[in-house]
Amino acid sequence: EQYHGCCYRPDGTICYKGFLCEGAYHGFGKTFVLSGRASFFGHWQNGVKHGEGALLYPSGNHELHGTWCKGVLCGVVTMYDELGRPVYHGEFDGGAPHGQGITYYPNGNSEYAGSWSRGTRTGYGVMFRADGSLEYRGIWNADRREGEGEVFDPIGVLMCAGVFPAPAGRTVKEREVDPVLSAIAVSSFLVDKR
C-alpha cells in the first residue's frame, strides 16, 4: 500500500520526501542533497525514476526536464544550461538524444535541428549559425556531414552542394546557380527568418 513519508540519511538529513510503497520510492517525490536542496522531483516506481520529472542544478534552475522509463531517460526531454537557457529539446532513448531534436546556442537561436542516433547527429539535419542564418542542410553520420548536402553563405546563398565528405582526390562541386532563382531563394529565406 502506498503512503506519504520521508527517508533520512544516517546523519539525520532528509534524502527523500514523497510517496513510498513497501519502503521504496513510489509515486511523486523529491530527492535532496546534503545541503537540503532538492536535486530531483518527479515520479518513481519501485525505487527508480519512472514517469515525468526534473533534475535541478545547485542554483535551483532546471538542468533537465523529461520522462524516465525504469530509471533511464526516454521520450521528449529538455536540457538547460546553469542559467536556465535550453540547450537541447527532443527525443531521448537509452539515456541519449535519439530521434528528432534541436540544439540551441546560448542566445536562444537553433544550432542544429534534425535526426539523432544514440547521442550523435545522424540522418537528415539542418545546421544554423549563431545569428540564425542557415549554414548546412543535408545528411549527417556520427556528427559529421556525410552524404548529400548543401552549404550556404551567411546571407543564404547556396555556395556548394554535393556528397560530403568528398571522395579522395575530389572536391565537393559548386552547383550552377541561376542568379534570378538565387535572389528569390535568398529573399524567401530572409522573410522566413523574421
Protein backbone atom coordinates (compact mmCIF):
# COMPACT_ATOMS: atom_id res chain seq x y z
CA GLU A 1 0.00 0.00 0.00
CA GLN A 2 1.25 3.49 -0.93
CA TYR A 3 1.84 6.10 1.79
CA HIS A 4 3.47 9.53 2.12
CA GLY A 5 6.70 9.77 4.10
CA CYS A 6 10.33 10.81 4.33
CA CYS A 7 13.65 8.97 4.21
CA TYR A 8 16.73 10.16 6.11
CA ARG A 9 20.47 9.60 5.91
CA PRO A 10 22.32 8.20 8.93
CA ASP A 11 23.32 11.79 9.89
CA GLY A 12 19.62 12.75 10.10
CA THR A 13 19.44 14.86 6.94
CA ILE A 14 16.50 14.26 4.65
CA CYS A 15 17.21 12.46 1.36
CA TYR A 16 13.64 11.85 0.08
CA LYS A 17 10.16 13.18 0.69
CA GLY A 18 7.16 11.79 -1.12
CA PHE A 19 5.17 8.65 -1.70
CA LEU A 20 6.53 5.23 -0.80
CA CYS A 21 5.38 1.65 -1.18
CA GLU A 22 6.95 -1.11 0.90
CA GLY A 23 9.85 1.23 1.74
CA ALA A 24 10.65 2.12 -1.90
CA TYR A 25 10.12 5.49 -3.60
CA HIS A 26 6.81 5.04 -5.42
CA GLY A 27 4.70 7.89 -6.82
CA PHE A 28 5.58 11.59 -6.76
CA GLY A 29 8.58 12.56 -4.62
CA LYS A 30 11.67 14.73 -4.22
CA THR A 31 15.27 13.77 -3.54
CA PHE A 32 17.57 16.12 -1.63
CA VAL A 33 21.34 16.70 -1.49
CA LEU A 34 23.14 17.09 1.86
CA SER A 35 22.51 20.85 1.95
CA GLY A 36 18.77 20.15 1.96
CA ARG A 37 18.25 21.48 -1.56
CA ALA A 38 16.04 19.41 -3.89
CA SER A 39 18.02 17.66 -6.64
CA PHE A 40 15.18 15.80 -8.39
CA PHE A 41 11.43 15.94 -8.28
CA GLY A 42 9.14 13.67 -10.19
CA HIS A 43 7.61 10.24 -10.36
CA TRP A 44 9.06 6.98 -9.10
CA GLN A 45 8.12 3.34 -9.43
CA ASN A 46 9.60 0.64 -7.19
CA GLY A 47 12.54 2.86 -6.22
CA VAL A 48 13.56 4.09 -9.70
CA LYS A 49 12.65 7.22 -11.67
CA HIS A 50 9.68 6.37 -13.85
CA GLY A 51 7.49 8.99 -15.49
CA GLU A 52 7.85 12.75 -15.70
CA GLY A 53 10.46 14.54 -13.61
CA ALA A 54 13.17 17.20 -13.41
CA LEU A 55 16.80 17.33 -12.32
CA LEU A 56 17.93 20.59 -10.71
CA TYR A 57 21.24 22.48 -10.65
CA PRO A 58 22.55 23.69 -7.25
CA SER A 59 21.08 27.11 -8.15
CA GLY A 60 17.63 25.51 -8.26
CA ASN A 61 17.31 26.04 -12.03
CA HIS A 62 16.20 23.09 -14.10
CA GLU A 63 19.04 21.04 -15.53
CA LEU A 64 16.74 18.68 -17.33
CA HIS A 65 13.02 18.05 -17.62
CA GLY A 66 11.77 14.85 -19.17
CA THR A 67 10.43 11.36 -18.88
CA TRP A 68 12.12 8.33 -17.37
CA CYS A 69 11.35 4.70 -18.18
CA LYS A 70 12.57 2.38 -15.41
CA GLY A 71 15.38 4.79 -14.46
CA VAL A 72 16.50 5.72 -17.99
CA LEU A 73 15.61 8.94 -19.85
CA CYS A 74 13.17 8.29 -22.68
CA GLY A 75 10.56 10.25 -24.65
CA VAL A 76 10.83 14.02 -25.02
CA VAL A 77 13.50 15.77 -22.92
CA THR A 78 14.55 19.41 -22.50
CA MET A 79 18.06 20.10 -21.19
CA TYR A 80 19.15 23.50 -19.83
CA ASP A 81 22.41 25.27 -19.01
CA GLU A 82 23.00 26.61 -15.48
CA LEU A 83 21.38 29.93 -16.39
CA GLY A 84 18.14 28.18 -17.35
CA ARG A 85 18.57 28.53 -21.12
CA PRO A 86 17.58 25.48 -23.21
CA VAL A 87 20.48 23.62 -24.85
CA TYR A 88 18.55 20.61 -26.25
CA HIS A 89 14.91 19.74 -26.81
CA GLY A 90 13.86 16.49 -28.40
CA GLU A 91 13.53 12.76 -28.20
CA PHE A 92 15.67 10.57 -25.94
CA ASP A 93 16.10 6.81 -25.85
CA GLY A 94 18.60 4.81 -23.82
CA GLY A 95 19.70 7.96 -21.98
CA ALA A 96 20.83 9.90 -25.10
CA PRO A 97 19.32 12.03 -27.88
CA HIS A 98 17.69 9.61 -30.32
CA GLY A 99 15.05 10.57 -32.89
CA GLN A 100 14.24 14.20 -33.67
CA GLY A 101 15.83 17.01 -31.65
CA ILE A 102 17.10 20.58 -31.61
CA THR A 103 20.23 22.06 -30.01
CA TYR A 104 20.43 25.77 -29.14
CA TYR A 105 23.07 28.48 -28.98
CA PRO A 106 23.24 30.49 -25.70
CA ASN A 107 21.39 33.35 -27.45
CA GLY A 108 18.38 31.03 -27.95
CA ASN A 109 18.78 30.54 -31.71
CA SER A 110 18.66 26.99 -33.07
CA GLU A 111 22.07 25.44 -33.72
CA TYR A 112 21.03 22.07 -35.20
CA ALA A 113 17.59 20.65 -35.94
CA GLY A 114 17.21 17.12 -37.19
CA SER A 115 17.78 13.44 -36.60
CA TRP A 116 19.83 11.91 -33.79
CA SER A 117 21.03 8.38 -33.15
CA ARG A 118 22.48 7.36 -29.78
CA GLY A 119 23.61 10.91 -28.99
CA THR A 120 25.07 11.86 -32.38
CA ARG A 121 23.66 13.83 -35.31
CA THR A 122 22.76 11.05 -37.75
CA GLY A 123 20.30 11.31 -40.64
CA TYR A 124 18.83 14.47 -42.16
CA GLY A 125 19.53 17.70 -40.31
CA VAL A 126 19.96 21.44 -40.66
CA MET A 127 22.82 23.44 -39.08
CA PHE A 128 22.46 27.15 -38.34
CA ARG A 129 24.99 29.83 -37.41
CA ALA A 130 24.63 31.65 -34.07
CA ASP A 131 22.99 34.60 -35.88
CA GLY A 132 20.25 32.24 -37.13
CA SER A 133 21.43 32.04 -40.75
CA LEU A 134 21.37 28.67 -42.49
CA GLU A 135 24.82 27.05 -42.77
CA TYR A 136 24.22 23.47 -43.96
CA ARG A 137 21.35 21.14 -44.69
CA GLY A 138 21.74 17.52 -45.59
CA ILE A 139 22.77 14.12 -44.30
CA TRP A 140 24.86 13.54 -41.16
CA ASN A 141 26.57 10.44 -39.79
CA ALA A 142 28.02 10.33 -36.27
CA ASP A 143 28.20 14.17 -36.03
CA ARG A 144 29.85 14.54 -39.46
CA ARG A 145 28.46 15.81 -42.73
CA GLU A 146 28.30 12.59 -44.70
CA GLY A 147 26.04 12.23 -47.72
CA GLU A 148 24.03 14.64 -49.90
CA GLY A 149 24.15 18.19 -48.57
CA GLU A 150 24.22 21.90 -49.29
CA VAL A 151 26.37 24.68 -47.77
CA PHE A 152 25.12 28.29 -47.60
CA ASP A 153 26.89 31.59 -47.03
CA PRO A 154 25.73 33.88 -44.17
CA ILE A 155 23.08 35.63 -46.31
CA GLY A 156 21.57 32.37 -47.56
CA VAL A 157 23.22 32.00 -50.97
CA LEU A 158 23.90 28.38 -51.91
CA MET A 159 27.70 28.02 -52.04
CA CYS A 160 28.09 24.34 -52.88
CA ALA A 161 26.15 21.11 -52.98
CA GLY A 162 27.17 17.52 -53.34
CA VAL A 163 28.22 14.48 -51.39
CA PHE A 164 30.11 15.03 -48.13
CA PRO A 165 32.82 14.23 -47.41
CA ALA A 166 34.10 14.36 -50.96
CA PRO A 167 35.68 11.11 -52.16
CA ALA A 168 39.51 11.04 -52.00
CA GLY A 169 41.09 13.22 -54.69
CA ARG A 170 37.84 15.10 -55.43
CA THR A 171 36.18 18.20 -54.11
CA VAL A 172 32.54 18.95 -53.47
CA LYS A 173 31.33 20.60 -56.68
CA GLU A 174 29.80 24.03 -56.64
CA ARG A 175 26.33 23.91 -58.07
CA GLU A 176 25.48 26.12 -61.05
CA VAL A 177 23.08 28.69 -59.60
CA ASP A 178 20.63 30.76 -61.63
CA PRO A 179 21.08 34.36 -60.32
CA VAL A 180 17.33 35.12 -60.52
CA LEU A 181 16.32 31.95 -58.67
CA SER A 182 19.11 32.53 -56.14
CA ALA A 183 17.80 36.05 -55.42
CA ILE A 184 14.29 34.66 -54.93
CA ALA A 185 15.62 31.95 -52.59
CA VAL A 186 17.60 34.50 -50.54
CA SER A 187 14.59 36.82 -50.36
CA SER A 188 12.34 33.95 -49.27
CA PHE A 189 14.88 32.82 -46.65
CA LEU A 190 15.18 36.32 -45.19
CA VAL A 191 11.40 36.71 -44.98
CA ASP A 192 11.06 33.32 -43.23
CA LYS A 193 13.70 34.23 -40.61
CA ARG A 194 11.93 37.43 -39.42
